[in-house]
């Protein structure tokens, strides 16, 4: 029974850690202004054309 508690706690810790990573990435994406996003997309298109 004790083993299952440890496995459950490890699973919860993994889910929490994944949520932190996802939230951090989302904040980085939302920090861009629309102009920055547009410029980055244009740069990518130009790189693929050449």
PDB file of N, CA and C in Angstrom:
ATOM      1  N   UNK A   1       0.826  -1.206   0.000  1.00  0.00           N
ATOM      2  CA  UNK A   1       0.000   0.000   0.000  1.00  0.00           C
ATOM      3  C   UNK A   1       0.863   1.261   0.000  1.00  0.00           C
ATOM      4  N   UNK A   2       1.966   1.224   0.737  1.00  0.00           N
ATOM      5  CA  UNK A   2       2.844   2.387   0.824  1.00  0.00           C
ATOM      6  C   UNK A   2       3.480   2.704  -0.530  1.00  0.00           C
ATOM      7  N   UNK A   3       3.809   1.657  -1.293  1.00  0.00           N
ATOM      8  CA  UNK A   3       4.399   1.838  -2.617  1.00  0.00           C
ATOM      9  C   UNK A   3       3.453   2.615  -3.520  1.00  0.00           C
ATOM     10  N   UNK A   4       2.160   2.293  -3.467  1.00  0.00           N
ATOM     11  CA  UNK A   4       1.190   2.980  -4.321  1.00  0.00           C
ATOM     12  C   UNK A   4       1.060   4.454  -3.946  1.00  0.00           C
ATOM     13  N   UNK A   5       1.212   4.758  -2.671  1.00  0.00           N
ATOM     14  CA  UNK A   5       1.177   6.160  -2.256  1.00  0.00           C
ATOM     15  C   UNK A   5       2.361   6.919  -2.845  1.00  0.00           C
ATOM     16  N   UNK A   6       3.534   6.292  -2.809  1.00  0.00           N
ATOM     17  CA  UNK A   6       4.721   6.927  -3.380  1.00  0.00           C
ATOM     18  C   UNK A   6       4.585   7.111  -4.892  1.00  0.00           C
ATOM     19  N   UNK A   7       4.038   6.103  -5.545  1.00  0.00           N
ATOM     20  CA  UNK A   7       3.834   6.197  -6.994  1.00  0.00           C
ATOM     21  C   UNK A   7       2.836   7.320  -7.296  1.00  0.00           C
ATOM     22  N   UNK A   8       1.797   7.423  -6.531  1.00  0.00           N
ATOM     23  CA  UNK A   8       0.806   8.473  -6.726  1.00  0.00           C
ATOM     24  C   UNK A   8       1.390   9.861  -6.499  1.00  0.00           C
ATOM     25  N   UNK A   9       2.193  10.010  -5.455  1.00  0.00           N
ATOM     26  CA  UNK A   9       2.824  11.301  -5.188  1.00  0.00           C
ATOM     27  C   UNK A   9       3.811  11.671  -6.284  1.00  0.00           C
ATOM     28  N   UNK A  10       4.545  10.682  -6.778  1.00  0.00           N
ATOM     29  CA  UNK A  10       5.481  10.940  -7.874  1.00  0.00           C
ATOM     30  C   UNK A  10       4.721  11.378  -9.128  1.00  0.00           C
ATOM     31  N   UNK A  11       3.592  10.761  -9.378  1.00  0.00           N
ATOM     32  CA  UNK A  11       2.767  11.140 -10.525  1.00  0.00           C
ATOM     33  C   UNK A  11       2.243  12.557 -10.395  1.00  0.00           C
ATOM     34  N   UNK A  12       1.785  12.919  -9.214  1.00  0.00           N
ATOM     35  CA  UNK A  12       1.303  14.289  -8.985  1.00  0.00           C
ATOM     36  C   UNK A  12       2.427  15.308  -9.161  1.00  0.00           C
ATOM     37  N   UNK A  13       3.604  14.969  -8.685  1.00  0.00           N
ATOM     38  CA  UNK A  13       4.739  15.878  -8.841  1.00  0.00           C
ATOM     39  C   UNK A  13       5.079  16.055 -10.317  1.00  0.00           C
ATOM     40  N   UNK A  14       4.992  14.979 -11.080  1.00  0.00           N
ATOM     41  CA  UNK A  14       5.260  15.062 -12.521  1.00  0.00           C
ATOM     42  C   UNK A  14       4.240  15.924 -13.236  1.00  0.00           C
ATOM     43  N   UNK A  15       2.987  15.781 -12.885  1.00  0.00           N
ATOM     44  CA  UNK A  15       1.929  16.588 -13.496  1.00  0.00           C
ATOM     45  C   UNK A  15       2.131  18.059 -13.143  1.00  0.00           C
ATOM     46  N   UNK A  16       2.454  18.341 -11.908  1.00  0.00           N
ATOM     47  CA  UNK A  16       2.679  19.728 -11.486  1.00  0.00           C
ATOM     48  C   UNK A  16       3.870  20.337 -12.216  1.00  0.00           C
ATOM     49  N   UNK A  17       4.942  19.574 -12.344  1.00  0.00           N
ATOM     50  CA  UNK A  17       6.134  20.079 -13.040  1.00  0.00           C
ATOM     51  C   UNK A  17       5.831  20.349 -14.505  1.00  0.00           C
ATOM     52  N   UNK A  18       5.061  19.481 -15.133  1.00  0.00           N
ATOM     53  CA  UNK A  18       4.688  19.683 -16.536  1.00  0.00           C
ATOM     54  C   UNK A  18       3.839  20.937 -16.678  1.00  0.00           C
ATOM     55  N   UNK A  19       2.933  21.155 -15.763  1.00  0.00           N
ATOM     56  CA  UNK A  19       2.095  22.355 -15.796  1.00  0.00           C
ATOM     57  C   UNK A  19       2.915  23.625 -15.673  1.00  0.00           C
ATOM     58  N   UNK A  20       3.940  23.596 -14.850  1.00  0.00           N
ATOM     59  CA  UNK A  20       4.807  24.770 -14.687  1.00  0.00           C
ATOM     60  C   UNK A  20       5.538  25.059 -15.985  1.00  0.00           C
ATOM     61  N   UNK A  21       6.055  24.029 -16.636  1.00  0.00           N
ATOM     62  CA  UNK A  21       6.787  24.208 -17.891  1.00  0.00           C
ATOM     63  C   UNK A  21       5.868  24.752 -18.973  1.00  0.00           C
ATOM     64  N   UNK A  22       4.666  24.219 -19.070  1.00  0.00           N
ATOM     65  CA  UNK A  22       3.710  24.679 -20.075  1.00  0.00           C
ATOM     66  C   UNK A  22       3.318  26.132 -19.815  1.00  0.00           C
ATOM     67  N   UNK A  23       3.053  26.476 -18.572  1.00  0.00           N
ATOM     68  CA  UNK A  23       2.670  27.849 -18.232  1.00  0.00           C
ATOM     69  C   UNK A  23       3.796  28.826 -18.541  1.00  0.00           C
ATOM     70  N   UNK A  24       5.024  28.440 -18.270  1.00  0.00           N
ATOM     71  CA  UNK A  24       6.162  29.308 -18.545  1.00  0.00           C
ATOM     72  C   UNK A  24       6.298  29.552 -20.049  1.00  0.00           C
ATOM     73  N   UNK A  25       6.141  28.509 -20.842  1.00  0.00           N
ATOM     74  CA  UNK A  25       6.208  28.656 -22.297  1.00  0.00           C
ATOM     75  C   UNK A  25       5.091  29.528 -22.826  1.00  0.00           C
ATOM     76  N   UNK A  26       3.917  29.379 -22.271  1.00  0.00           N
ATOM     77  CA  UNK A  26       2.769  30.187 -22.710  1.00  0.00           C
ATOM     78  C   UNK A  26       2.996  31.663 -22.403  1.00  0.00           C
ATOM     79  N   UNK A  27       3.573  31.952 -21.246  1.00  0.00           N
ATOM     80  CA  UNK A  27       3.858  33.344 -20.907  1.00  0.00           C
ATOM     81  C   UNK A  27       4.860  33.949 -21.880  1.00  0.00           C
ATOM     82  N   UNK A  28       5.850  33.181 -22.288  1.00  0.00           N
ATOM     83  CA  UNK A  28       6.830  33.677 -23.259  1.00  0.00           C
ATOM     84  C   UNK A  28       6.152  33.976 -24.590  1.00  0.00           C
ATOM     85  N   UNK A  29       5.264  33.100 -25.029  1.00  0.00           N
ATOM     86  CA  UNK A  29       4.574  33.320 -26.300  1.00  0.00           C
ATOM     87  C   UNK A  29       3.669  34.547 -26.241  1.00  0.00           C
ATOM     88  N   UNK A  30       3.009  34.747 -25.150  1.00  0.00           N
ATOM     89  CA  UNK A  30       2.079  35.872 -25.023  1.00  0.00           C
ATOM     90  C   UNK A  30       2.802  37.203 -24.841  1.00  0.00           C
ATOM     91  N   UNK A  31       4.078  37.172 -24.524  1.00  0.00           N
ATOM     92  CA  UNK A  31       4.826  38.402 -24.297  1.00  0.00           C
ATOM     93  C   UNK A  31       5.160  39.112 -25.603  1.00  0.00           C
ATOM     94  N   UNK A  32       5.053  38.427 -26.748  1.00  0.00           N
ATOM     95  CA  UNK A  32       5.358  39.048 -28.027  1.00  0.00           C
ATOM     96  C   UNK A  32       4.240  39.982 -28.457  1.00  0.00           C
ATOM     97  N   UNK A  33       4.629  41.105 -29.030  1.00  0.00           N
ATOM     98  CA  UNK A  33       3.627  42.005 -29.607  1.00  0.00           C
ATOM     99  C   UNK A  33       3.243  41.461 -30.979  1.00  0.00           C
ATOM    100  N   UNK A  34       2.099  41.859 -31.499  1.00  0.00           N
ATOM    101  CA  UNK A  34       1.704  41.393 -32.835  1.00  0.00           C
ATOM    102  C   UNK A  34       2.740  41.735 -33.909  1.00  0.00           C
ATOM    103  N   UNK A  35       3.384  42.888 -33.788  1.00  0.00           N
ATOM    104  CA  UNK A  35       4.404  43.278 -34.762  1.00  0.00           C
ATOM    105  C   UNK A  35       5.605  42.341 -34.698  1.00  0.00           C
ATOM    106  N   UNK A  36       6.006  41.954 -33.471  1.00  0.00           N
ATOM    107  CA  UNK A  36       7.135  41.035 -33.321  1.00  0.00           C
ATOM    108  C   UNK A  36       6.811  39.677 -33.943  1.00  0.00           C
ATOM    109  N   UNK A  37       5.613  39.202 -33.724  1.00  0.00           N
ATOM    110  CA  UNK A  37       5.203  37.918 -34.294  1.00  0.00           C
ATOM    111  C   UNK A  37       5.216  37.996 -35.816  1.00  0.00           C
ATOM    112  N   UNK A  38       4.658  39.053 -36.361  1.00  0.00           N
ATOM    113  CA  UNK A  38       4.615  39.239 -37.805  1.00  0.00           C
ATOM    114  C   UNK A  38       6.028  39.288 -38.390  1.00  0.00           C
ATOM    115  N   UNK A  39       6.922  40.044 -37.747  1.00  0.00           N
ATOM    116  CA  UNK A  39       8.296  40.136 -38.224  1.00  0.00           C
ATOM    117  C   UNK A  39       9.005  38.793 -38.182  1.00  0.00           C
ATOM    118  N   UNK A  40       8.798  38.032 -37.118  1.00  0.00           N
ATOM    119  CA  UNK A  40       9.437  36.721 -37.009  1.00  0.00           C
ATOM    120  C   UNK A  40       8.919  35.767 -38.081  1.00  0.00           C
ATOM    121  N   UNK A  41       7.623  35.828 -38.357  1.00  0.00           N
ATOM    122  CA  UNK A  41       7.065  34.969 -39.395  1.00  0.00           C
ATOM    123  C   UNK A  41       7.614  35.340 -40.764  1.00  0.00           C
ATOM    124  N   UNK A  42       7.723  36.640 -41.023  1.00  0.00           N
ATOM    125  CA  UNK A  42       8.282  37.088 -42.294  1.00  0.00           C
ATOM    126  C   UNK A  42       9.734  36.629 -42.442  1.00  0.00           C
ATOM    127  N   UNK A  43      10.498  36.683 -41.350  1.00  0.00           N
ATOM    128  CA  UNK A  43      11.890  36.225 -41.382  1.00  0.00           C
ATOM    129  C   UNK A  43      11.959  34.730 -41.701  1.00  0.00           C
ATOM    130  N   UNK A  44      11.090  33.945 -41.108  1.00  0.00           N
ATOM    131  CA  UNK A  44      11.070  32.499 -41.381  1.00  0.00           C
ATOM    132  C   UNK A  44      10.740  32.214 -42.842  1.00  0.00           C
ATOM    133  N   UNK A  45       9.766  32.944 -43.377  1.00  0.00           N
ATOM    134  CA  UNK A  45       9.388  32.737 -44.780  1.00  0.00           C
ATOM    135  C   UNK A  45      10.576  33.054 -45.686  1.00  0.00           C
ATOM    136  N   UNK A  46      11.272  34.148 -45.404  1.00  0.00           N
ATOM    137  CA  UNK A  46      12.418  34.532 -46.214  1.00  0.00           C
ATOM    138  C   UNK A  46      13.537  33.491 -46.124  1.00  0.00           C
ATOM    139  N   UNK A  47      13.740  32.911 -44.953  1.00  0.00           N
ATOM    140  CA  UNK A  47      14.771  31.883 -44.809  1.00  0.00           C
ATOM    141  C   UNK A  47      14.436  30.652 -45.608  1.00  0.00           C
ATOM    142  N   UNK A  48      13.171  30.290 -45.677  1.00  0.00           N
ATOM    143  CA  UNK A  48      12.773  29.095 -46.415  1.00  0.00           C
ATOM    144  C   UNK A  48      12.802  29.330 -47.922  1.00  0.00           C
ATOM    145  N   UNK A  49      12.640  30.557 -48.343  1.00  0.00           N
ATOM    146  CA  UNK A  49      12.671  30.864 -49.776  1.00  0.00           C
ATOM    147  C   UNK A  49      14.085  30.834 -50.331  1.00  0.00           C
ATOM    148  N   UNK A  50      15.056  31.175 -49.518  1.00  0.00           N
ATOM    149  CA  UNK A  50      16.429  31.258 -50.031  1.00  0.00           C
ATOM    150  C   UNK A  50      17.142  29.934 -50.007  1.00  0.00           C
TER     151      UNK A  50
END
